[in-house]
Amino acid sequence: MRICELREKEVINICDCKRLGCVMDVDIDVCTGQVTALIVPGPGRLCGLLGKEFEYVIPWRCIRQMGPDIILVEVSEEDVRR
């Protein structure tokens, strides 16, 4: 799977069934070449006019399943905010 294909998938937290958003970027370990985390933009401030307040950094180990359209993760929302 390519990174551009990940960007088209929605991330859903199975703990609270909340839609976190679409993948914006990935964190890669340059020594091993492995993806270590997915980065999803958080909700916007003031209707999205002032940018994003935070972003979700979801560790790779928290991904439970990847489908053709969605990625299911199991994380507490407070633990992944950055």
PDB file of N, CA and C in Angstrom:
ATOM      1  N   MET A   1       0.842  -1.174   0.000  1.00  0.00           N
ATOM      2  CA  MET A   1       0.000   0.000   0.000  1.00  0.00           C
ATOM      3  C   MET A   1       0.890   1.241   0.000  1.00  0.00           C
ATOM      4  N   ARG A   2       0.511   2.208  -0.754  1.00  0.00           N
ATOM      5  CA  ARG A   2       1.251   3.468  -0.836  1.00  0.00           C
ATOM      6  C   ARG A   2       0.689   4.484   0.158  1.00  0.00           C
ATOM      7  N   ILE A   3       1.509   5.462   0.500  1.00  0.00           N
ATOM      8  CA  ILE A   3       1.085   6.499   1.442  1.00  0.00           C
ATOM      9  C   ILE A   3      -0.084   7.294   0.874  1.00  0.00           C
ATOM     10  N   CYS A   4      -0.086   7.534  -0.421  1.00  0.00           N
ATOM     11  CA  CYS A   4      -1.189   8.288  -1.022  1.00  0.00           C
ATOM     12  C   CYS A   4      -2.503   7.514  -0.895  1.00  0.00           C
ATOM     13  N   GLU A   5      -2.447   6.187  -0.846  1.00  0.00           N
ATOM     14  CA  GLU A   5      -3.662   5.400  -0.645  1.00  0.00           C
ATOM     15  C   GLU A   5      -4.147   5.505   0.800  1.00  0.00           C
ATOM     16  N   LEU A   6      -3.222   5.637   1.742  1.00  0.00           N
ATOM     17  CA  LEU A   6      -3.613   5.824   3.145  1.00  0.00           C
ATOM     18  C   LEU A   6      -4.352   7.145   3.343  1.00  0.00           C
ATOM     19  N   ARG A   7      -3.978   8.160   2.588  1.00  0.00           N
ATOM     20  CA  ARG A   7      -4.580   9.490   2.744  1.00  0.00           C
ATOM     21  C   ARG A   7      -6.057   9.510   2.361  1.00  0.00           C
ATOM     22  N   GLU A   8      -6.516   8.514   1.631  1.00  0.00           N
ATOM     23  CA  GLU A   8      -7.913   8.456   1.207  1.00  0.00           C
ATOM     24  C   GLU A   8      -8.801   7.726   2.221  1.00  0.00           C
ATOM     25  N   LYS A   9      -8.211   7.175   3.264  1.00  0.00           N
ATOM     26  CA  LYS A   9      -8.965   6.367   4.226  1.00  0.00           C
ATOM     27  C   LYS A   9      -9.337   7.174   5.468  1.00  0.00           C
ATOM     28  N   GLU A  10     -10.546   6.937   5.958  1.00  0.00           N
ATOM     29  CA  GLU A  10     -10.999   7.559   7.202  1.00  0.00           C
ATOM     30  C   GLU A  10     -10.545   6.728   8.379  1.00  0.00           C
ATOM     31  N   VAL A  11     -10.203   7.396   9.480  1.00  0.00           N
ATOM     32  CA  VAL A  11      -9.784   6.705  10.689  1.00  0.00           C
ATOM     33  C   VAL A  11     -10.925   6.770  11.698  1.00  0.00           C
ATOM     34  N   ILE A  12     -11.325   5.601  12.205  1.00  0.00           N
ATOM     35  CA  ILE A  12     -12.422   5.514  13.167  1.00  0.00           C
ATOM     36  C   ILE A  12     -11.913   4.811  14.413  1.00  0.00           C
ATOM     37  N   ASN A  13     -12.195   5.419  15.566  1.00  0.00           N
ATOM     38  CA  ASN A  13     -11.794   4.852  16.849  1.00  0.00           C
ATOM     39  C   ASN A  13     -12.876   3.878  17.308  1.00  0.00           C
ATOM     40  N   ILE A  14     -12.516   2.612  17.511  1.00  0.00           N
ATOM     41  CA  ILE A  14     -13.522   1.615  17.889  1.00  0.00           C
ATOM     42  C   ILE A  14     -13.879   1.689  19.374  1.00  0.00           C
ATOM     43  N   CYS A  15     -13.115   2.445  20.169  1.00  0.00           N
ATOM     44  CA  CYS A  15     -13.449   2.595  21.598  1.00  0.00           C
ATOM     45  C   CYS A  15     -14.738   3.387  21.789  1.00  0.00           C
ATOM     46  N   ASP A  16     -14.896   4.467  21.003  1.00  0.00           N
ATOM     47  CA  ASP A  16     -16.082   5.307  21.139  1.00  0.00           C
ATOM     48  C   ASP A  16     -16.821   5.512  19.813  1.00  0.00           C
ATOM     49  N   CYS A  17     -16.415   4.779  18.779  1.00  0.00           N
ATOM     50  CA  CYS A  17     -17.034   4.847  17.439  1.00  0.00           C
ATOM     51  C   CYS A  17     -17.005   6.254  16.854  1.00  0.00           C
ATOM     52  N   LYS A  18     -15.978   7.019  17.177  1.00  0.00           N
ATOM     53  CA  LYS A  18     -15.865   8.393  16.705  1.00  0.00           C
ATOM     54  C   LYS A  18     -14.972   8.458  15.475  1.00  0.00           C
ATOM     55  N   ARG A  19     -15.381   9.251  14.512  1.00  0.00           N
ATOM     56  CA  ARG A  19     -14.595   9.485  13.309  1.00  0.00           C
ATOM     57  C   ARG A  19     -13.523  10.516  13.646  1.00  0.00           C
ATOM     58  N   LEU A  20     -12.250  10.137  13.483  1.00  0.00           N
ATOM     59  CA  LEU A  20     -11.154  11.046  13.797  1.00  0.00           C
ATOM     60  C   LEU A  20     -10.756  11.897  12.596  1.00  0.00           C
ATOM     61  N   GLY A  21     -11.003  11.416  11.404  1.00  0.00           N
ATOM     62  CA  GLY A  21     -10.654  12.155  10.193  1.00  0.00           C
ATOM     63  C   GLY A  21      -9.886  11.266   9.233  1.00  0.00           C
ATOM     64  N   CYS A  22      -9.322  11.872   8.203  1.00  0.00           N
ATOM     65  CA  CYS A  22      -8.537  11.143   7.213  1.00  0.00           C
ATOM     66  C   CYS A  22      -7.050  11.304   7.509  1.00  0.00           C
ATOM     67  N   VAL A  23      -6.282  10.317   7.115  1.00  0.00           N
ATOM     68  CA  VAL A  23      -4.837  10.343   7.344  1.00  0.00           C
ATOM     69  C   VAL A  23      -4.231  11.511   6.579  1.00  0.00           C
ATOM     70  N   MET A  24      -3.432  12.319   7.287  1.00  0.00           N
ATOM     71  CA  MET A  24      -2.769  13.458   6.667  1.00  0.00           C
ATOM     72  C   MET A  24      -1.311  13.133   6.351  1.00  0.00           C
ATOM     73  N   ASP A  25      -0.673  12.367   7.245  1.00  0.00           N
ATOM     74  CA  ASP A  25       0.747  12.091   7.103  1.00  0.00           C
ATOM     75  C   ASP A  25       1.079  10.807   7.858  1.00  0.00           C
ATOM     76  N   VAL A  26       2.279  10.318   7.679  1.00  0.00           N
ATOM     77  CA  VAL A  26       2.745   9.151   8.417  1.00  0.00           C
ATOM     78  C   VAL A  26       4.090   9.474   9.045  1.00  0.00           C
ATOM     79  N   ASP A  27       4.385   8.813  10.149  1.00  0.00           N
ATOM     80  CA  ASP A  27       5.676   8.944  10.813  1.00  0.00           C
ATOM     81  C   ASP A  27       6.458   7.671  10.490  1.00  0.00           C
ATOM     82  N   ILE A  28       7.668   7.839   9.971  1.00  0.00           N
ATOM     83  CA  ILE A  28       8.466   6.702   9.519  1.00  0.00           C
ATOM     84  C   ILE A  28       9.788   6.671  10.276  1.00  0.00           C
ATOM     85  N   ASP A  29      10.180   5.480  10.736  1.00  0.00           N
ATOM     86  CA  ASP A  29      11.484   5.273  11.344  1.00  0.00           C
ATOM     87  C   ASP A  29      12.488   5.170  10.200  1.00  0.00           C
ATOM     88  N   VAL A  30      13.396   6.130  10.101  1.00  0.00           N
ATOM     89  CA  VAL A  30      14.316   6.172   8.958  1.00  0.00           C
ATOM     90  C   VAL A  30      15.346   5.052   9.000  1.00  0.00           C
ATOM     91  N   CYS A  31      15.634   4.508  10.163  1.00  0.00           N
ATOM     92  CA  CYS A  31      16.612   3.411  10.260  1.00  0.00           C
ATOM     93  C   CYS A  31      16.052   2.107   9.702  1.00  0.00           C
ATOM     94  N   THR A  32      14.780   1.821  10.019  1.00  0.00           N
ATOM     95  CA  THR A  32      14.184   0.561   9.589  1.00  0.00           C
ATOM     96  C   THR A  32      13.283   0.704   8.369  1.00  0.00           C
ATOM     97  N   GLY A  33      12.817   1.920   8.101  1.00  0.00           N
ATOM     98  CA  GLY A  33      11.907   2.137   6.982  1.00  0.00           C
ATOM     99  C   GLY A  33      10.473   1.761   7.288  1.00  0.00           C
ATOM    100  N   GLN A  34      10.159   1.503   8.563  1.00  0.00           N
ATOM    101  CA  GLN A  34       8.807   1.110   8.952  1.00  0.00           C
ATOM    102  C   GLN A  34       7.978   2.319   9.370  1.00  0.00           C
ATOM    103  N   VAL A  35       6.692   2.245   9.090  1.00  0.00           N
ATOM    104  CA  VAL A  35       5.757   3.274   9.532  1.00  0.00           C
ATOM    105  C   VAL A  35       5.515   3.067  11.029  1.00  0.00           C
ATOM    106  N   THR A  36       5.705   4.118  11.828  1.00  0.00           N
ATOM    107  CA  THR A  36       5.530   4.002  13.273  1.00  0.00           C
ATOM    108  C   THR A  36       4.226   4.619  13.761  1.00  0.00           C
ATOM    109  N   ALA A  37       3.657   5.564  12.988  1.00  0.00           N
ATOM    110  CA  ALA A  37       2.415   6.208  13.421  1.00  0.00           C
ATOM    111  C   ALA A  37       1.706   6.847  12.240  1.00  0.00           C
ATOM    112  N   LEU A  38       0.396   6.978  12.385  1.00  0.00           N
ATOM    113  CA  LEU A  38      -0.418   7.732  11.430  1.00  0.00           C
ATOM    114  C   LEU A  38      -0.728   9.080  12.062  1.00  0.00           C
ATOM    115  N   ILE A  39      -0.742  10.127  11.261  1.00  0.00           N
ATOM    116  CA  ILE A  39      -1.047  11.468  11.757  1.00  0.00           C
ATOM    117  C   ILE A  39      -2.334  11.931  11.088  1.00  0.00           C
ATOM    118  N   VAL A  40      -3.308  12.287  11.940  1.00  0.00           N
ATOM    119  CA  VAL A  40      -4.629  12.709  11.476  1.00  0.00           C
ATOM    120  C   VAL A  40      -4.875  14.111  12.034  1.00  0.00           C
ATOM    121  N   PRO A  41      -5.276  15.081  11.193  1.00  0.00           N
ATOM    122  CA  PRO A  41      -5.539  16.417  11.721  1.00  0.00           C
ATOM    123  C   PRO A  41      -6.738  16.410  12.652  1.00  0.00           C
ATOM    124  N   GLY A  42      -6.644  17.180  13.726  1.00  0.00           N
ATOM    125  CA  GLY A  42      -7.752  17.298  14.667  1.00  0.00           C
ATOM    126  C   GLY A  42      -8.800  18.263  14.147  1.00  0.00           C
ATOM    127  N   PRO A  43      -9.841  18.489  14.936  1.00  0.00           N
ATOM    128  CA  PRO A  43     -10.878  19.429  14.513  1.00  0.00           C
ATOM    129  C   PRO A  43     -10.342  20.857  14.455  1.00  0.00           C
ATOM    130  N   GLY A  44     -10.911  21.663  13.570  1.00  0.00           N
ATOM    131  CA  GLY A  44     -10.475  23.039  13.403  1.00  0.00           C
ATOM    132  C   GLY A  44     -11.027  23.949  14.488  1.00  0.00           C
ATOM    133  N   ARG A  45     -10.353  25.050  14.681  1.00  0.00           N
ATOM    134  CA  ARG A  45     -10.827  26.064  15.629  1.00  0.00           C
ATOM    135  C   ARG A  45     -11.661  27.083  14.866  1.00  0.00           C
ATOM    136  N   LEU A  46     -12.719  27.519  15.455  1.00  0.00           N
ATOM    137  CA  LEU A  46     -13.584  28.566  14.894  1.00  0.00           C
ATOM    138  C   LEU A  46     -13.949  28.259  13.445  1.00  0.00           C
ATOM    139  N   CYS A  47     -14.650  27.166  13.263  1.00  0.00           N
ATOM    140  CA  CYS A  47     -15.141  26.728  11.949  1.00  0.00           C
ATOM    141  C   CYS A  47     -14.011  26.474  10.958  1.00  0.00           C
ATOM    142  N   GLY A  48     -12.833  26.131  11.450  1.00  0.00           N
ATOM    143  CA  GLY A  48     -11.717  25.813  10.569  1.00  0.00           C
ATOM    144  C   GLY A  48     -10.964  27.013  10.030  1.00  0.00           C
ATOM    145  N   LEU A  49     -11.342  28.234  10.452  1.00  0.00           N
ATOM    146  CA  LEU A  49     -10.698  29.429   9.918  1.00  0.00           C
ATOM    147  C   LEU A  49      -9.324  29.694  10.519  1.00  0.00           C
ATOM    148  N   LEU A  50      -9.092  29.269  11.730  1.00  0.00           N
ATOM    149  CA  LEU A  50      -7.829  29.569  12.401  1.00  0.00           C
ATOM    150  C   LEU A  50      -6.881  28.380  12.445  1.00  0.00           C
ATOM    151  N   GLY A  51      -7.082  27.412  11.613  1.00  0.00           N
ATOM    152  CA  GLY A  51      -6.198  26.251  11.583  1.00  0.00           C
ATOM    153  C   GLY A  51      -6.639  25.180  12.564  1.00  0.00           C
ATOM    154  N   LYS A  52      -5.776  24.230  12.763  1.00  0.00           N
ATOM    155  CA  LYS A  52      -6.075  23.088  13.632  1.00  0.00           C
ATOM    156  C   LYS A  52      -5.511  23.335  15.020  1.00  0.00           C
ATOM    157  N   GLU A  53      -6.274  22.928  16.029  1.00  0.00           N
ATOM    158  CA  GLU A  53      -5.836  23.086  17.411  1.00  0.00           C
ATOM    159  C   GLU A  53      -4.797  22.039  17.786  1.00  0.00           C
ATOM    160  N   PHE A  54      -4.947  20.834  17.286  1.00  0.00           N
ATOM    161  CA  PHE A  54      -4.025  19.734  17.567  1.00  0.00           C
ATOM    162  C   PHE A  54      -4.159  18.703  16.467  1.00  0.00           C
ATOM    163  N   GLU A  55      -3.333  17.677  16.541  1.00  0.00           N
ATOM    164  CA  GLU A  55      -3.435  16.559  15.608  1.00  0.00           C
ATOM    165  C   GLU A  55      -3.345  15.263  16.399  1.00  0.00           C
ATOM    166  N   TYR A  56      -3.934  14.232  15.832  1.00  0.00           N
ATOM    167  CA  TYR A  56      -3.881  12.908  16.439  1.00  0.00           C
ATOM    168  C   TYR A  56      -2.659  12.176  15.887  1.00  0.00           C
ATOM    169  N   VAL A  57      -1.840  11.640  16.768  1.00  0.00           N
ATOM    170  CA  VAL A  57      -0.711  10.802  16.370  1.00  0.00           C
ATOM    171  C   VAL A  57      -1.037   9.400  16.880  1.00  0.00           C
ATOM    172  N   ILE A  58      -1.379   8.520  15.967  1.00  0.00           N
ATOM    173  CA  ILE A  58      -1.861   7.183  16.311  1.00  0.00           C
ATOM    174  C   ILE A  58      -0.741   6.176  16.079  1.00  0.00           C
ATOM    175  N   PRO A  59      -0.225   5.563  17.145  1.00  0.00           N
ATOM    176  CA  PRO A  59       0.839   4.567  16.975  1.00  0.00           C
ATOM    177  C   PRO A  59       0.377   3.388  16.119  1.00  0.00           C
ATOM    178  N   TRP A  60       1.293   2.827  15.356  1.00  0.00           N
ATOM    179  CA  TRP A  60       0.977   1.727  14.444  1.00  0.00           C
ATOM    180  C   TRP A  60       0.407   0.533  15.194  1.00  0.00           C
ATOM    181  N   ARG A  61       0.859   0.296  16.428  1.00  0.00           N
ATOM    182  CA  ARG A  61       0.387  -0.851  17.205  1.00  0.00           C
ATOM    183  C   ARG A  61      -1.089  -0.725  17.597  1.00  0.00           C
ATOM    184  N   CYS A  62      -1.662   0.461  17.496  1.00  0.00           N
ATOM    185  CA  CYS A  62      -3.074   0.680  17.852  1.00  0.00           C
ATOM    186  C   CYS A  62      -4.021   0.431  16.691  1.00  0.00           C
ATOM    187  N   ILE A  63      -3.493   0.192  15.510  1.00  0.00           N
ATOM    188  CA  ILE A  63      -4.339  -0.088  14.346  1.00  0.00           C
ATOM    189  C   ILE A  63      -4.844  -1.518  14.463  1.00  0.00           C
ATOM    190  N   ARG A  64      -6.161  -1.676  14.382  1.00  0.00           N
ATOM    191  CA  ARG A  64      -6.768  -3.000  14.504  1.00  0.00           C
ATOM    192  C   ARG A  64      -7.101  -3.617  13.157  1.00  0.00           C
ATOM    193  N   GLN A  65      -7.552  -2.794  12.203  1.00  0.00           N
ATOM    194  CA  GLN A  65      -7.911  -3.341  10.894  1.00  0.00           C
ATOM    195  C   GLN A  65      -7.901  -2.228   9.858  1.00  0.00           C
ATOM    196  N   MET A  66      -7.461  -2.586   8.643  1.00  0.00           N
ATOM    197  CA  MET A  66      -7.508  -1.665   7.509  1.00  0.00           C
ATOM    198  C   MET A  66      -8.414  -2.254   6.450  1.00  0.00           C
ATOM    199  N   GLY A  67      -9.406  -1.480   6.071  1.00  0.00           N
ATOM    200  CA  GLY A  67     -10.308  -1.898   5.019  1.00  0.00           C
ATOM    201  C   GLY A  67     -10.074  -1.068   3.778  1.00  0.00           C
ATOM    202  N   PRO A  68     -10.903  -1.263   2.755  1.00  0.00           N
ATOM    203  CA  PRO A  68     -10.729  -0.489   1.521  1.00  0.00           C
ATOM    204  C   PRO A  68     -11.019   1.002   1.691  1.00  0.00           C
ATOM    205  N   ASP A  69     -11.860   1.363   2.697  1.00  0.00           N
ATOM    206  CA  ASP A  69     -12.243   2.760   2.876  1.00  0.00           C
ATOM    207  C   ASP A  69     -11.900   3.323   4.253  1.00  0.00           C
ATOM    208  N   ILE A  70     -11.722   2.454   5.250  1.00  0.00           N
ATOM    209  CA  ILE A  70     -11.521   2.947   6.606  1.00  0.00           C
ATOM    210  C   ILE A  70     -10.377   2.209   7.296  1.00  0.00           C
ATOM    211  N   ILE A  71      -9.879   2.850   8.348  1.00  0.00           N
ATOM    212  CA  ILE A  71      -8.883   2.259   9.230  1.00  0.00           C
ATOM    213  C   ILE A  71      -9.473   2.280  10.631  1.00  0.00           C
ATOM    214  N   LEU A  72      -9.570   1.113  11.254  1.00  0.00           N
ATOM    215  CA  LEU A  72     -10.096   1.014  12.605  1.00  0.00           C
ATOM    216  C   LEU A  72      -8.937   1.019  13.592  1.00  0.00           C
ATOM    217  N   VAL A  73      -9.007   1.919  14.585  1.00  0.00           N
ATOM    218  CA  VAL A  73      -7.961   2.014  15.602  1.00  0.00           C
ATOM    219  C   VAL A  73      -8.594   1.885  16.976  1.00  0.00           C
ATOM    220  N   GLU A  74      -7.789   1.486  17.946  1.00  0.00           N
ATOM    221  CA  GLU A  74      -8.262   1.356  19.321  1.00  0.00           C
ATOM    222  C   GLU A  74      -7.343   2.183  20.221  1.00  0.00           C
ATOM    223  N   VAL A  75      -7.752   3.428  20.479  1.00  0.00           N
ATOM    224  CA  VAL A  75      -6.966   4.344  21.300  1.00  0.00           C
ATOM    225  C   VAL A  75      -7.897   5.220  22.119  1.00  0.00           C
ATOM    226  N   SER A  76      -7.370   5.733  23.235  1.00  0.00           N
ATOM    227  CA  SER A  76      -8.128   6.763  23.954  1.00  0.00           C
ATOM    228  C   SER A  76      -7.760   8.098  23.319  1.00  0.00           C
ATOM    229  N   GLU A  77      -8.707   8.942  23.115  1.00  0.00           N
ATOM    230  CA  GLU A  77      -8.513  10.179  22.373  1.00  0.00           C
ATOM    231  C   GLU A  77      -7.490  11.092  23.053  1.00  0.00           C
ATOM    232  N   GLU A  78      -7.446  11.103  24.373  1.00  0.00           N
ATOM    233  CA  GLU A  78      -6.511  11.964  25.087  1.00  0.00           C
ATOM    234  C   GLU A  78      -5.058  11.515  24.898  1.00  0.00           C
ATOM    235  N   ASP A  79      -4.856  10.215  24.704  1.00  0.00           N
ATOM    236  CA  ASP A  79      -3.498   9.684  24.556  1.00  0.00           C
ATOM    237  C   ASP A  79      -2.863   9.999  23.217  1.00  0.00           C
ATOM    238  N   VAL A  80      -3.655  10.300  22.215  1.00  0.00           N
ATOM    239  CA  VAL A  80      -3.096  10.502  20.874  1.00  0.00           C
ATOM    240  C   VAL A  80      -3.065  11.969  20.456  1.00  0.00           C
ATOM    241  N   ARG A  81      -3.492  12.883  21.289  1.00  0.00           N
ATOM    242  CA  ARG A  81      -3.439  14.303  20.924  1.00  0.00           C
ATOM    243  C   ARG A  81      -2.031  14.833  21.054  1.00  0.00           C
ATOM    244  N   ARG A  82      -1.651  15.670  20.093  1.00  0.00           N
ATOM    245  CA  ARG A  82      -0.337  16.312  20.143  1.00  0.00           C
ATOM    246  C   ARG A  82      -0.474  17.752  19.736  1.00  0.00           C
TER     247      ARG A  82
END
